Amino acid sequence: PKPQRLVSSEAFNDYITRNLPDLKAFLNFIARNPLLNCTDVYCSLNWGTSKGNRIKRLALRLNLAVEENVQLARGRGRLMATLCLAEKGYQLLKLEPDAKGKGGSLHRAYQHVLKKRLAMLGIDATIEHYQNGKNVDLGFSLNGQKWAVEVTLTAGSNELQNLDKDLQAGFDRIFFIVKDLKTLKKAENPILDAVPQGRKHQIHVGLFEDFFESIKSEMGQ
């Protein structure tokens, strides 16, 4: 194997300084546009792949951003790497993270993208919606029914507790949005097996786009 090239801290700091304008442009863009794949980020910034990867690696090395694999829709080749701004990234840009939302960078990104996408359909959703003493990741009303959305990034963590909580809070429909098909396979059966008889048609587990297909169907679109 080739020997690893050592870079002095002075040289690395100089490298950061030279790339700082591009680094800030990159971070500003993903702060405003989470859950895009890397290629779309680079294209939007009019960068080639080589430059985009170089700036992305620098952002990740400095813990200014996080990269996660997600699958928003079904189909082969739909698993993609997406980028979210990390806490240190907000600090560098002197931006305040979105006041609402809980969990890590990816969890919050899902919450805010879901809210914006629902707003485009004319639905006013609330992040960390509070109802009957319980909080859900996202809550809204549609056709006289109260919906709860739970973002599930890792299966086997707290899905059943969230299901019980949301049922107790009186939600009519509950949708667990998972980050990929692997998580879906692990989470779906335990969740649906725990649903009381008579409520199974009101509880759903699926990907990001599965959720919006359900919403559009509910709206008659």
N, C-alpha and C. Protein backbone atom coordinates (compact mmCIF):
# COMPACT_ATOMS: atom_id res chain seq x y z
N PRO A 1 0.83 -1.22 0.00
CA PRO A 1 0.00 0.00 0.00
C PRO A 1 0.86 1.26 0.00
N LYS A 2 0.34 2.31 -0.63
CA LYS A 2 1.08 3.57 -0.67
C LYS A 2 1.13 4.19 0.71
N PRO A 3 2.29 4.78 1.08
CA PRO A 3 2.35 5.46 2.38
C PRO A 3 1.43 6.66 2.40
N GLN A 4 0.76 6.86 3.54
CA GLN A 4 -0.17 7.98 3.67
C GLN A 4 0.60 9.29 3.76
N ARG A 5 0.21 10.26 2.95
CA ARG A 5 0.89 11.54 2.95
C ARG A 5 0.44 12.37 4.15
N LEU A 6 1.40 12.85 4.89
CA LEU A 6 1.09 13.66 6.07
C LEU A 6 1.01 15.13 5.67
N VAL A 7 0.02 15.82 6.20
CA VAL A 7 -0.17 17.24 5.90
C VAL A 7 -0.04 18.01 7.21
N SER A 8 0.79 19.01 7.22
CA SER A 8 0.97 19.80 8.43
C SER A 8 -0.29 20.59 8.73
N SER A 9 -0.47 20.92 10.00
CA SER A 9 -1.65 21.70 10.38
C SER A 9 -1.63 23.06 9.70
N GLU A 10 -0.45 23.62 9.49
CA GLU A 10 -0.35 24.92 8.82
C GLU A 10 -0.81 24.82 7.37
N ALA A 11 -0.40 23.74 6.71
CA ALA A 11 -0.80 23.55 5.31
C ALA A 11 -2.30 23.31 5.22
N PHE A 12 -2.84 22.54 6.17
CA PHE A 12 -4.27 22.25 6.14
C PHE A 12 -5.08 23.51 6.41
N ASN A 13 -4.63 24.33 7.35
CA ASN A 13 -5.32 25.60 7.62
C ASN A 13 -5.30 26.51 6.40
N ASP A 14 -4.19 26.50 5.66
CA ASP A 14 -4.10 27.29 4.43
C ASP A 14 -5.06 26.75 3.39
N TYR A 15 -5.20 25.42 3.34
CA TYR A 15 -6.13 24.77 2.41
C TYR A 15 -7.57 25.17 2.75
N ILE A 16 -7.89 25.21 4.03
CA ILE A 16 -9.23 25.63 4.46
C ILE A 16 -9.50 27.07 4.04
N THR A 17 -8.52 27.94 4.29
CA THR A 17 -8.68 29.35 3.96
C THR A 17 -8.92 29.55 2.47
N ARG A 18 -8.17 28.84 1.65
CA ARG A 18 -8.31 28.98 0.19
C ARG A 18 -9.67 28.50 -0.30
N ASN A 19 -10.22 27.54 0.39
CA ASN A 19 -11.50 26.96 -0.04
C ASN A 19 -12.69 27.48 0.75
N LEU A 20 -12.47 28.44 1.64
CA LEU A 20 -13.54 28.89 2.53
C LEU A 20 -14.74 29.48 1.78
N PRO A 21 -14.55 30.31 0.74
CA PRO A 21 -15.73 30.83 0.03
C PRO A 21 -16.60 29.72 -0.56
N ASP A 22 -15.95 28.74 -1.19
CA ASP A 22 -16.72 27.62 -1.74
C ASP A 22 -17.34 26.77 -0.64
N LEU A 23 -16.63 26.61 0.45
CA LEU A 23 -17.15 25.83 1.57
C LEU A 23 -18.42 26.48 2.13
N LYS A 24 -18.39 27.80 2.29
CA LYS A 24 -19.56 28.50 2.81
C LYS A 24 -20.73 28.44 1.83
N ALA A 25 -20.44 28.55 0.52
CA ALA A 25 -21.49 28.44 -0.48
C ALA A 25 -22.15 27.07 -0.44
N PHE A 26 -21.32 26.06 -0.27
CA PHE A 26 -21.80 24.68 -0.18
C PHE A 26 -22.69 24.50 1.04
N LEU A 27 -22.24 24.98 2.18
CA LEU A 27 -23.00 24.83 3.43
C LEU A 27 -24.30 25.63 3.39
N ASN A 28 -24.23 26.83 2.85
CA ASN A 28 -25.45 27.65 2.74
C ASN A 28 -26.50 26.95 1.89
N PHE A 29 -26.04 26.31 0.82
CA PHE A 29 -26.99 25.65 -0.07
C PHE A 29 -27.66 24.47 0.61
N ILE A 30 -26.88 23.61 1.27
CA ILE A 30 -27.51 22.43 1.89
C ILE A 30 -28.32 22.82 3.12
N ALA A 31 -28.02 23.99 3.72
CA ALA A 31 -28.86 24.47 4.82
C ALA A 31 -30.26 24.80 4.32
N ARG A 32 -30.34 25.35 3.11
CA ARG A 32 -31.62 25.73 2.53
C ARG A 32 -32.30 24.58 1.79
N ASN A 33 -31.50 23.58 1.40
CA ASN A 33 -32.03 22.51 0.55
C ASN A 33 -31.58 21.14 1.06
N PRO A 34 -32.08 20.70 2.21
CA PRO A 34 -31.69 19.38 2.71
C PRO A 34 -32.35 18.26 1.90
N LEU A 35 -31.82 17.06 2.04
CA LEU A 35 -32.35 15.85 1.42
C LEU A 35 -32.22 15.85 -0.10
N LEU A 36 -31.25 16.59 -0.64
CA LEU A 36 -30.91 16.48 -2.06
C LEU A 36 -29.73 15.53 -2.20
N ASN A 37 -29.63 14.85 -3.34
CA ASN A 37 -28.44 14.03 -3.54
C ASN A 37 -27.25 14.91 -3.93
N CYS A 38 -26.07 14.38 -3.78
CA CYS A 38 -24.86 15.17 -3.98
C CYS A 38 -24.78 15.74 -5.39
N THR A 39 -25.17 14.94 -6.38
CA THR A 39 -25.10 15.40 -7.78
C THR A 39 -25.96 16.64 -7.99
N ASP A 40 -27.16 16.65 -7.41
CA ASP A 40 -28.05 17.81 -7.56
C ASP A 40 -27.47 19.04 -6.86
N VAL A 41 -26.82 18.81 -5.73
CA VAL A 41 -26.17 19.94 -5.02
C VAL A 41 -25.08 20.53 -5.89
N TYR A 42 -24.23 19.68 -6.45
CA TYR A 42 -23.13 20.17 -7.28
C TYR A 42 -23.65 20.90 -8.51
N CYS A 43 -24.66 20.34 -9.16
CA CYS A 43 -25.23 20.97 -10.36
C CYS A 43 -25.83 22.34 -10.05
N SER A 44 -26.51 22.42 -8.90
CA SER A 44 -27.13 23.69 -8.51
C SER A 44 -26.09 24.77 -8.25
N LEU A 45 -24.91 24.35 -7.83
CA LEU A 45 -23.82 25.29 -7.57
C LEU A 45 -22.93 25.49 -8.80
N ASN A 46 -23.30 24.84 -9.91
CA ASN A 46 -22.51 24.90 -11.15
C ASN A 46 -21.09 24.38 -10.94
N TRP A 47 -20.98 23.32 -10.17
CA TRP A 47 -19.68 22.69 -9.91
C TRP A 47 -19.63 21.34 -10.62
N GLY A 48 -18.41 20.97 -11.00
CA GLY A 48 -18.18 19.63 -11.50
C GLY A 48 -18.09 18.65 -10.33
N THR A 49 -18.07 17.37 -10.65
CA THR A 49 -18.01 16.34 -9.61
C THR A 49 -16.74 16.42 -8.80
N SER A 50 -15.62 16.68 -9.46
CA SER A 50 -14.33 16.74 -8.75
C SER A 50 -14.32 17.84 -7.70
N LYS A 51 -14.75 19.03 -8.09
CA LYS A 51 -14.79 20.14 -7.13
C LYS A 51 -15.82 19.88 -6.04
N GLY A 52 -16.98 19.38 -6.42
CA GLY A 52 -18.02 19.11 -5.44
C GLY A 52 -17.57 18.11 -4.40
N ASN A 53 -16.94 17.02 -4.85
CA ASN A 53 -16.46 16.01 -3.91
C ASN A 53 -15.36 16.57 -3.00
N ARG A 54 -14.52 17.41 -3.55
CA ARG A 54 -13.44 18.00 -2.74
C ARG A 54 -14.00 18.86 -1.62
N ILE A 55 -14.97 19.71 -1.94
CA ILE A 55 -15.56 20.59 -0.91
C ILE A 55 -16.39 19.76 0.07
N LYS A 56 -17.09 18.75 -0.44
CA LYS A 56 -17.87 17.89 0.45
C LYS A 56 -16.96 17.18 1.45
N ARG A 57 -15.85 16.63 0.98
CA ARG A 57 -14.92 15.94 1.88
C ARG A 57 -14.39 16.88 2.95
N LEU A 58 -14.13 18.13 2.57
CA LEU A 58 -13.65 19.10 3.54
C LEU A 58 -14.73 19.40 4.58
N ALA A 59 -15.96 19.58 4.15
CA ALA A 59 -17.07 19.85 5.08
C ALA A 59 -17.26 18.69 6.05
N LEU A 60 -17.17 17.46 5.55
CA LEU A 60 -17.34 16.29 6.41
C LEU A 60 -16.17 16.15 7.37
N ARG A 61 -14.96 16.41 6.89
CA ARG A 61 -13.78 16.29 7.75
C ARG A 61 -13.83 17.28 8.90
N LEU A 62 -14.38 18.47 8.63
CA LEU A 62 -14.47 19.50 9.67
C LEU A 62 -15.75 19.38 10.50
N ASN A 63 -16.53 18.32 10.26
CA ASN A 63 -17.79 18.09 10.99
C ASN A 63 -18.77 19.25 10.82
N LEU A 64 -18.75 19.85 9.63
CA LEU A 64 -19.68 20.94 9.33
C LEU A 64 -20.97 20.42 8.69
N ALA A 65 -20.91 19.21 8.18
CA ALA A 65 -22.06 18.59 7.53
C ALA A 65 -22.03 17.10 7.82
N VAL A 66 -23.17 16.45 7.61
CA VAL A 66 -23.26 15.00 7.75
C VAL A 66 -23.81 14.43 6.45
N GLU A 67 -23.35 13.25 6.11
CA GLU A 67 -23.81 12.57 4.90
C GLU A 67 -24.48 11.27 5.30
N GLU A 68 -25.68 11.04 4.78
CA GLU A 68 -26.46 9.85 5.12
C GLU A 68 -27.03 9.24 3.84
N ASN A 69 -27.17 7.92 3.84
CA ASN A 69 -27.83 7.25 2.73
C ASN A 69 -29.32 7.13 3.03
N VAL A 70 -30.14 7.61 2.11
CA VAL A 70 -31.59 7.54 2.27
C VAL A 70 -32.22 7.07 0.97
N GLN A 71 -33.44 6.60 1.06
CA GLN A 71 -34.21 6.20 -0.12
C GLN A 71 -35.59 6.84 0.01
N LEU A 72 -35.83 7.84 -0.80
CA LEU A 72 -37.08 8.58 -0.72
C LEU A 72 -38.21 7.90 -1.48
N ALA A 73 -37.86 7.10 -2.49
CA ALA A 73 -38.87 6.44 -3.31
C ALA A 73 -38.42 5.02 -3.61
N ARG A 74 -39.38 4.20 -4.03
CA ARG A 74 -39.08 2.81 -4.35
C ARG A 74 -38.46 2.70 -5.73
N GLY A 75 -37.80 1.57 -5.97
CA GLY A 75 -37.18 1.33 -7.27
C GLY A 75 -35.69 1.10 -7.15
N ARG A 76 -35.14 0.39 -8.12
CA ARG A 76 -33.72 0.10 -8.11
C ARG A 76 -32.91 1.38 -8.28
N GLY A 77 -31.80 1.45 -7.57
CA GLY A 77 -30.90 2.59 -7.70
C GLY A 77 -31.41 3.85 -7.06
N ARG A 78 -32.42 3.75 -6.19
CA ARG A 78 -32.99 4.96 -5.59
C ARG A 78 -32.33 5.32 -4.26
N LEU A 79 -31.45 4.43 -3.74
CA LEU A 79 -30.72 4.77 -2.52
C LEU A 79 -29.70 5.85 -2.87
N MET A 80 -29.67 6.93 -2.12
CA MET A 80 -28.78 8.04 -2.46
C MET A 80 -28.12 8.61 -1.22
N ALA A 81 -26.98 9.24 -1.45
CA ALA A 81 -26.29 9.95 -0.37
C ALA A 81 -26.85 11.37 -0.32
N THR A 82 -27.27 11.79 0.86
CA THR A 82 -27.80 13.14 1.03
C THR A 82 -27.01 13.86 2.10
N LEU A 83 -27.07 15.17 2.08
CA LEU A 83 -26.26 16.00 2.97
C LEU A 83 -27.14 16.89 3.82
N CYS A 84 -26.75 17.05 5.08
CA CYS A 84 -27.45 17.96 6.00
C CYS A 84 -26.42 18.77 6.76
N LEU A 85 -26.78 19.99 7.08
CA LEU A 85 -25.89 20.85 7.85
C LEU A 85 -25.81 20.39 9.29
N ALA A 86 -24.60 20.30 9.83
CA ALA A 86 -24.39 19.92 11.22
C ALA A 86 -24.34 21.17 12.10
N GLU A 87 -24.31 20.96 13.40
CA GLU A 87 -24.32 22.07 14.35
C GLU A 87 -23.14 23.01 14.09
N LYS A 88 -21.95 22.45 13.85
CA LYS A 88 -20.77 23.29 13.59
C LYS A 88 -20.93 24.09 12.30
N GLY A 89 -21.67 23.53 11.35
CA GLY A 89 -21.93 24.26 10.12
C GLY A 89 -22.77 25.49 10.36
N TYR A 90 -23.81 25.34 11.19
CA TYR A 90 -24.63 26.50 11.55
C TYR A 90 -23.78 27.56 12.25
N GLN A 91 -22.88 27.12 13.11
CA GLN A 91 -22.03 28.06 13.83
C GLN A 91 -21.10 28.81 12.89
N LEU A 92 -20.52 28.11 11.91
CA LEU A 92 -19.63 28.76 10.95
C LEU A 92 -20.37 29.82 10.15
N LEU A 93 -21.59 29.50 9.74
CA LEU A 93 -22.37 30.43 8.93
C LEU A 93 -23.09 31.49 9.77
N LYS A 94 -23.00 31.32 11.10
CA LYS A 94 -23.70 32.21 12.03
C LYS A 94 -25.20 32.21 11.77
N LEU A 95 -25.70 31.00 11.54
CA LEU A 95 -27.13 30.80 11.34
C LEU A 95 -27.71 30.12 12.56
N GLU A 96 -28.96 30.38 12.82
CA GLU A 96 -29.66 29.69 13.88
C GLU A 96 -30.32 28.45 13.30
N PRO A 97 -30.09 27.28 13.89
CA PRO A 97 -30.81 26.09 13.42
C PRO A 97 -32.31 26.31 13.56
N ASP A 98 -33.09 25.61 12.74
CA ASP A 98 -34.54 25.72 12.85
C ASP A 98 -34.96 25.47 14.29
N ALA A 99 -35.77 26.37 14.80
CA ALA A 99 -36.11 26.32 16.22
C ALA A 99 -36.83 25.03 16.58
N LYS A 100 -37.66 24.54 15.67
CA LYS A 100 -38.42 23.34 15.97
C LYS A 100 -37.75 22.13 15.34
N GLY A 101 -38.09 20.99 15.89
CA GLY A 101 -37.52 19.76 15.40
C GLY A 101 -36.61 19.15 16.45
N LYS A 102 -36.61 17.84 16.50
CA LYS A 102 -35.79 17.14 17.48
C LYS A 102 -34.97 16.06 16.79
N GLY A 103 -33.97 15.56 17.50
CA GLY A 103 -33.14 14.50 16.95
C GLY A 103 -31.94 15.07 16.23
N GLY A 104 -31.27 14.21 15.47
CA GLY A 104 -30.08 14.61 14.74
C GLY A 104 -30.38 15.41 13.49
N SER A 105 -29.33 15.72 12.75
CA SER A 105 -29.46 16.57 11.56
C SER A 105 -30.41 15.97 10.53
N LEU A 106 -30.30 14.66 10.28
CA LEU A 106 -31.16 14.04 9.28
C LEU A 106 -32.61 14.01 9.71
N HIS A 107 -32.85 13.72 10.97
CA HIS A 107 -34.22 13.69 11.50
C HIS A 107 -34.88 15.05 11.34
N ARG A 108 -34.17 16.10 11.70
CA ARG A 108 -34.72 17.46 11.57
C ARG A 108 -34.93 17.82 10.10
N ALA A 109 -34.02 17.37 9.24
CA ALA A 109 -34.17 17.65 7.81
C ALA A 109 -35.46 17.05 7.28
N TYR A 110 -35.73 15.81 7.67
CA TYR A 110 -36.98 15.16 7.26
C TYR A 110 -38.18 15.97 7.74
N GLN A 111 -38.17 16.39 8.99
CA GLN A 111 -39.30 17.13 9.53
C GLN A 111 -39.58 18.40 8.71
N HIS A 112 -38.53 19.13 8.39
CA HIS A 112 -38.73 20.42 7.72
C HIS A 112 -39.06 20.24 6.24
N VAL A 113 -38.48 19.24 5.59
CA VAL A 113 -38.83 19.00 4.19
C VAL A 113 -40.27 18.50 4.07
N LEU A 114 -40.68 17.66 5.00
CA LEU A 114 -42.08 17.19 5.01
C LEU A 114 -43.04 18.36 5.17
N LYS A 115 -42.74 19.24 6.09
CA LYS A 115 -43.61 20.40 6.34
C LYS A 115 -43.71 21.27 5.08
N LYS A 116 -42.58 21.52 4.42
CA LYS A 116 -42.59 22.36 3.22
C LYS A 116 -43.35 21.69 2.08
N ARG A 117 -43.15 20.39 1.93
CA ARG A 117 -43.83 19.67 0.84
C ARG A 117 -45.34 19.62 1.10
N LEU A 118 -45.75 19.44 2.34
CA LEU A 118 -47.18 19.46 2.66
C LEU A 118 -47.78 20.84 2.42
N ALA A 119 -47.00 21.88 2.72
CA ALA A 119 -47.49 23.25 2.49
C ALA A 119 -47.77 23.47 1.00
N MET A 120 -46.99 22.84 0.13
CA MET A 120 -47.21 22.96 -1.31
C MET A 120 -48.54 22.34 -1.72
N LEU A 121 -49.04 21.43 -0.89
CA LEU A 121 -50.34 20.79 -1.15
C LEU A 121 -51.47 21.50 -0.41
N GLY A 122 -51.11 22.61 0.26
CA GLY A 122 -52.12 23.36 0.99
C GLY A 122 -52.40 22.83 2.38
N ILE A 123 -51.51 22.01 2.92
CA ILE A 123 -51.70 21.42 4.24
C ILE A 123 -50.77 22.10 5.23
N ASP A 124 -51.33 22.62 6.29
CA ASP A 124 -50.55 23.32 7.33
C ASP A 124 -50.15 22.32 8.41
N ALA A 125 -48.93 21.84 8.36
CA ALA A 125 -48.44 20.85 9.33
C ALA A 125 -47.59 21.53 10.38
N THR A 126 -47.57 20.95 11.57
CA THR A 126 -46.80 21.50 12.69
C THR A 126 -45.72 20.50 13.10
N ILE A 127 -44.49 20.97 13.16
CA ILE A 127 -43.39 20.15 13.65
C ILE A 127 -43.48 20.05 15.17
N GLU A 128 -43.24 18.84 15.69
CA GLU A 128 -43.38 18.57 17.12
C GLU A 128 -44.78 18.99 17.59
N HIS A 129 -45.76 18.48 16.86
CA HIS A 129 -47.17 18.79 17.15
C HIS A 129 -47.56 18.19 18.51
N TYR A 130 -48.25 18.98 19.30
CA TYR A 130 -48.65 18.59 20.66
C TYR A 130 -50.14 18.34 20.70
N GLN A 131 -50.54 17.16 21.16
CA GLN A 131 -51.96 16.83 21.26
C GLN A 131 -52.19 15.91 22.45
N ASN A 132 -53.10 16.31 23.32
CA ASN A 132 -53.47 15.50 24.48
C ASN A 132 -52.26 15.02 25.28
N GLY A 133 -51.33 15.93 25.48
CA GLY A 133 -50.17 15.63 26.31
C GLY A 133 -49.07 14.86 25.62
N LYS A 134 -49.18 14.66 24.30
CA LYS A 134 -48.18 13.89 23.55
C LYS A 134 -47.64 14.71 22.38
N ASN A 135 -46.36 14.48 22.05
CA ASN A 135 -45.74 15.13 20.91
C ASN A 135 -45.52 14.12 19.79
N VAL A 136 -45.71 14.57 18.54
CA VAL A 136 -45.37 13.75 17.38
C VAL A 136 -44.42 14.55 16.49
N ASP A 137 -43.67 13.85 15.64
CA ASP A 137 -42.70 14.55 14.80
C ASP A 137 -43.38 15.58 13.91
N LEU A 138 -44.57 15.24 13.40
CA LEU A 138 -45.30 16.16 12.53
C LEU A 138 -46.78 15.84 12.67
N GLY A 139 -47.60 16.86 12.80
CA GLY A 139 -49.03 16.66 12.92
C GLY A 139 -49.82 17.63 12.06
N PHE A 140 -50.96 17.18 11.55
CA PHE A 140 -51.82 18.05 10.73
C PHE A 140 -53.21 17.42 10.63
N SER A 141 -54.14 18.19 10.11
CA SER A 141 -55.50 17.71 9.89
C SER A 141 -55.78 17.65 8.39
N LEU A 142 -56.50 16.62 7.97
CA LEU A 142 -56.85 16.46 6.56
C LEU A 142 -58.19 15.74 6.48
N ASN A 143 -59.14 16.35 5.80
CA ASN A 143 -60.48 15.76 5.63
C ASN A 143 -61.11 15.36 6.96
N GLY A 144 -60.91 16.21 7.97
CA GLY A 144 -61.53 15.97 9.26
C GLY A 144 -60.82 14.95 10.12
N GLN A 145 -59.69 14.43 9.65
CA GLN A 145 -58.93 13.46 10.43
C GLN A 145 -57.60 14.05 10.88
N LYS A 146 -57.18 13.63 12.07
CA LYS A 146 -55.92 14.10 12.62
C LYS A 146 -54.82 13.09 12.30
N TRP A 147 -53.77 13.59 11.64
CA TRP A 147 -52.66 12.74 11.21
C TRP A 147 -51.43 12.97 12.09
N ALA A 148 -50.74 11.87 12.39
CA ALA A 148 -49.44 11.93 13.07
C ALA A 148 -48.40 11.30 12.16
N VAL A 149 -47.27 11.95 12.01
CA VAL A 149 -46.16 11.42 11.21
C VAL A 149 -44.96 11.22 12.12
N GLU A 150 -44.39 10.03 12.08
CA GLU A 150 -43.19 9.72 12.86
C GLU A 150 -42.06 9.37 11.89
N VAL A 151 -40.94 10.06 12.03
CA VAL A 151 -39.76 9.80 11.19
C VAL A 151 -38.94 8.69 11.85
N THR A 152 -38.75 7.59 11.13
CA THR A 152 -38.06 6.42 11.68
C THR A 152 -36.79 6.16 10.89
N LEU A 153 -35.65 6.49 11.48
CA LEU A 153 -34.37 6.35 10.80
C LEU A 153 -33.68 5.02 11.10
N THR A 154 -33.97 4.45 12.26
CA THR A 154 -33.40 3.15 12.64
C THR A 154 -34.51 2.29 13.21
N ALA A 155 -34.64 1.08 12.69
CA ALA A 155 -35.69 0.18 13.16
C ALA A 155 -35.32 -0.41 14.51
N GLY A 156 -36.33 -0.67 15.32
CA GLY A 156 -36.12 -1.31 16.60
C GLY A 156 -35.77 -0.36 17.72
N SER A 157 -35.91 0.93 17.49
CA SER A 157 -35.58 1.90 18.54
C SER A 157 -36.80 2.21 19.40
N ASN A 158 -37.74 2.96 18.83
CA ASN A 158 -38.89 3.35 19.66
C ASN A 158 -40.19 3.40 18.86
N GLU A 159 -40.29 2.59 17.81
CA GLU A 159 -41.50 2.64 16.98
C GLU A 159 -42.75 2.23 17.76
N LEU A 160 -42.65 1.17 18.56
CA LEU A 160 -43.83 0.69 19.28
C LEU A 160 -44.26 1.67 20.36
N GLN A 161 -43.27 2.31 21.00
CA GLN A 161 -43.61 3.34 21.98
C GLN A 161 -44.30 4.51 21.30
N ASN A 162 -43.81 4.89 20.11
CA ASN A 162 -44.45 5.99 19.38
C ASN A 162 -45.86 5.61 18.93
N LEU A 163 -46.03 4.37 18.51
CA LEU A 163 -47.36 3.91 18.10
C LEU A 163 -48.33 4.01 19.27
N ASP A 164 -47.94 3.49 20.41
CA ASP A 164 -48.80 3.53 21.59
C ASP A 164 -49.10 4.97 22.00
N LYS A 165 -48.08 5.81 21.96
CA LYS A 165 -48.23 7.23 22.32
C LYS A 165 -49.22 7.93 21.40
N ASP A 166 -49.08 7.69 20.11
CA ASP A 166 -49.93 8.38 19.14
C ASP A 166 -51.37 7.89 19.20
N LEU A 167 -51.55 6.60 19.48
CA LEU A 167 -52.91 6.07 19.64
C LEU A 167 -53.57 6.67 20.89
N GLN A 168 -52.81 6.76 21.97
CA GLN A 168 -53.33 7.36 23.20
C GLN A 168 -53.70 8.83 22.99
N ALA A 169 -52.93 9.51 22.13
CA ALA A 169 -53.18 10.94 21.90
C ALA A 169 -54.42 11.17 21.04
N GLY A 170 -54.95 10.10 20.45
CA GLY A 170 -56.20 10.23 19.70
C GLY A 170 -56.05 10.55 18.23
N PHE A 171 -54.89 10.26 17.63
CA PHE A 171 -54.73 10.51 16.19
C PHE A 171 -55.52 9.47 15.40
N ASP A 172 -56.14 9.93 14.30
CA ASP A 172 -56.94 9.04 13.46
C ASP A 172 -56.07 8.24 12.50
N ARG A 173 -55.01 8.87 12.00
CA ARG A 173 -54.10 8.22 11.05
C ARG A 173 -52.67 8.43 11.53
N ILE A 174 -51.87 7.39 11.40
CA ILE A 174 -50.47 7.44 11.83
C ILE A 174 -49.61 6.88 10.71
N PHE A 175 -48.59 7.63 10.30
CA PHE A 175 -47.70 7.19 9.23
C PHE A 175 -46.26 7.23 9.72
N PHE A 176 -45.60 6.08 9.69
CA PHE A 176 -44.19 5.99 10.03
C PHE A 176 -43.38 6.09 8.73
N ILE A 177 -42.60 7.15 8.58
CA ILE A 177 -41.77 7.32 7.39
C ILE A 177 -40.37 6.79 7.70
N VAL A 178 -39.94 5.78 6.95
CA VAL A 178 -38.64 5.17 7.17
C VAL A 178 -37.65 5.69 6.13
N LYS A 179 -36.35 5.59 6.44
CA LYS A 179 -35.36 6.21 5.56
C LYS A 179 -34.95 5.36 4.37
N ASP A 180 -35.22 4.04 4.41
CA ASP A 180 -34.88 3.19 3.27
C ASP A 180 -35.63 1.87 3.38
N LEU A 181 -35.53 1.05 2.33
CA LEU A 181 -36.27 -0.21 2.31
C LEU A 181 -35.75 -1.20 3.36
N LYS A 182 -34.47 -1.13 3.68
CA LYS A 182 -33.91 -2.00 4.71
C LYS A 182 -34.58 -1.73 6.04
N THR A 183 -34.74 -0.46 6.38
CA THR A 183 -35.42 -0.09 7.62
C THR A 183 -36.89 -0.46 7.55
N LEU A 184 -37.50 -0.31 6.38
CA LEU A 184 -38.91 -0.67 6.20
C LEU A 184 -39.14 -2.15 6.52
N LYS A 185 -38.27 -3.02 6.01
CA LYS A 185 -38.44 -4.46 6.23
C LYS A 185 -38.35 -4.82 7.71
N LYS A 186 -37.50 -4.10 8.44
CA LYS A 186 -37.32 -4.39 9.86
C LYS A 186 -38.44 -3.80 10.71
N ALA A 187 -38.98 -2.67 10.30
CA ALA A 187 -39.94 -1.95 11.14
C ALA A 187 -41.39 -2.29 10.86
N GLU A 188 -41.71 -2.63 9.61
CA GLU A 188 -43.12 -2.72 9.21
C GLU A 188 -43.91 -3.77 9.99
N ASN A 189 -43.45 -5.01 10.02
CA ASN A 189 -44.22 -6.06 10.67
C ASN A 189 -44.40 -5.84 12.17
N PRO A 190 -43.33 -5.50 12.92
CA PRO A 190 -43.54 -5.25 14.34
C PRO A 190 -44.56 -4.14 14.62
N ILE A 191 -44.54 -3.09 13.80
CA ILE A 191 -45.50 -1.99 13.99
C ILE A 191 -46.92 -2.48 13.70
N LEU A 192 -47.11 -3.08 12.53
CA LEU A 192 -48.47 -3.48 12.13
C LEU A 192 -49.01 -4.59 13.01
N ASP A 193 -48.14 -5.48 13.50
CA ASP A 193 -48.60 -6.54 14.40
C ASP A 193 -49.11 -5.99 15.72
N ALA A 194 -48.60 -4.80 16.10
CA ALA A 194 -48.98 -4.20 17.38
C ALA A 194 -50.23 -3.32 17.27
N VAL A 195 -50.72 -3.12 16.05
CA VAL A 195 -51.89 -2.25 15.86
C VAL A 195 -53.15 -2.98 16.31
N PRO A 196 -54.00 -2.33 17.09
CA PRO A 196 -55.25 -2.97 17.54
C PRO A 196 -56.15 -3.33 16.36
N GLN A 197 -56.94 -4.37 16.53
CA GLN A 197 -57.90 -4.76 15.50
C GLN A 197 -58.84 -3.58 15.22
N GLY A 198 -59.14 -3.41 13.97
CA GLY A 198 -60.02 -2.31 13.58
C GLY A 198 -59.28 -1.03 13.26
N ARG A 199 -57.97 -0.98 13.53
CA ARG A 199 -57.20 0.24 13.25
C ARG A 199 -56.12 0.04 12.18
N LYS A 200 -55.97 -1.21 11.72
CA LYS A 200 -54.86 -1.51 10.82
C LYS A 200 -54.90 -0.69 9.54
N HIS A 201 -56.08 -0.36 9.05
CA HIS A 201 -56.17 0.43 7.82
C HIS A 201 -55.81 1.89 8.05
N GLN A 202 -55.63 2.27 9.31
CA GLN A 202 -55.31 3.67 9.63
C GLN A 202 -53.83 3.89 9.98
N ILE A 203 -53.07 2.80 10.03
CA ILE A 203 -51.66 2.88 10.39
C ILE A 203 -50.82 2.45 9.19
N HIS A 204 -49.82 3.24 8.83
CA HIS A 204 -49.04 2.99 7.63
C HIS A 204 -47.54 3.09 7.92
N VAL A 205 -46.77 2.33 7.17
CA VAL A 205 -45.31 2.38 7.24
C VAL A 205 -44.79 2.44 5.81
N GLY A 206 -43.95 3.41 5.50
CA GLY A 206 -43.46 3.51 4.12
C GLY A 206 -42.37 4.54 3.97
N LEU A 207 -41.93 4.71 2.73
CA LEU A 207 -40.90 5.69 2.40
C LEU A 207 -41.52 7.09 2.27
N PHE A 208 -40.67 8.06 2.11
CA PHE A 208 -41.07 9.46 1.96
C PHE A 208 -42.14 9.63 0.88
N GLU A 209 -41.88 9.09 -0.31
CA GLU A 209 -42.84 9.27 -1.41
C GLU A 209 -44.08 8.41 -1.22
N ASP A 210 -43.97 7.28 -0.50
CA ASP A 210 -45.17 6.50 -0.17
C ASP A 210 -46.15 7.34 0.63
N PHE A 211 -45.60 8.12 1.55
CA PHE A 211 -46.43 8.99 2.38
C PHE A 211 -47.20 9.98 1.51
N PHE A 212 -46.51 10.59 0.56
CA PHE A 212 -47.19 11.61 -0.26
C PHE A 212 -48.17 10.99 -1.24
N GLU A 213 -47.92 9.74 -1.63
CA GLU A 213 -48.93 9.05 -2.44
C GLU A 213 -50.20 8.85 -1.62
N SER A 214 -50.05 8.51 -0.34
CA SER A 214 -51.21 8.34 0.55
C SER A 214 -51.96 9.66 0.72
N ILE A 215 -51.20 10.74 0.88
CA ILE A 215 -51.82 12.06 1.06
C ILE A 215 -52.58 12.47 -0.20
N LYS A 216 -51.95 12.29 -1.37
CA LYS A 216 -52.63 12.67 -2.61
C LYS A 216 -53.87 11.83 -2.85
N SER A 217 -53.79 10.55 -2.50
CA SER A 217 -54.97 9.69 -2.62
C SER A 217 -56.09 10.17 -1.72
N GLU A 218 -55.72 10.56 -0.50
CA GLU A 218 -56.70 11.07 0.46
C GLU A 218 -57.34 12.36 -0.05
N MET A 219 -56.56 13.15 -0.80
CA MET A 219 -57.05 14.42 -1.33
C MET A 219 -57.79 14.23 -2.66
N GLY A 220 -57.81 12.99 -3.17
CA GLY A 220 -58.48 12.73 -4.43
C GLY A 220 -57.70 13.14 -5.65
N GLN A 221 -56.37 13.24 -5.49
CA GLN A 221 -55.53 13.65 -6.63
C GLN A 221 -55.02 12.43 -7.40
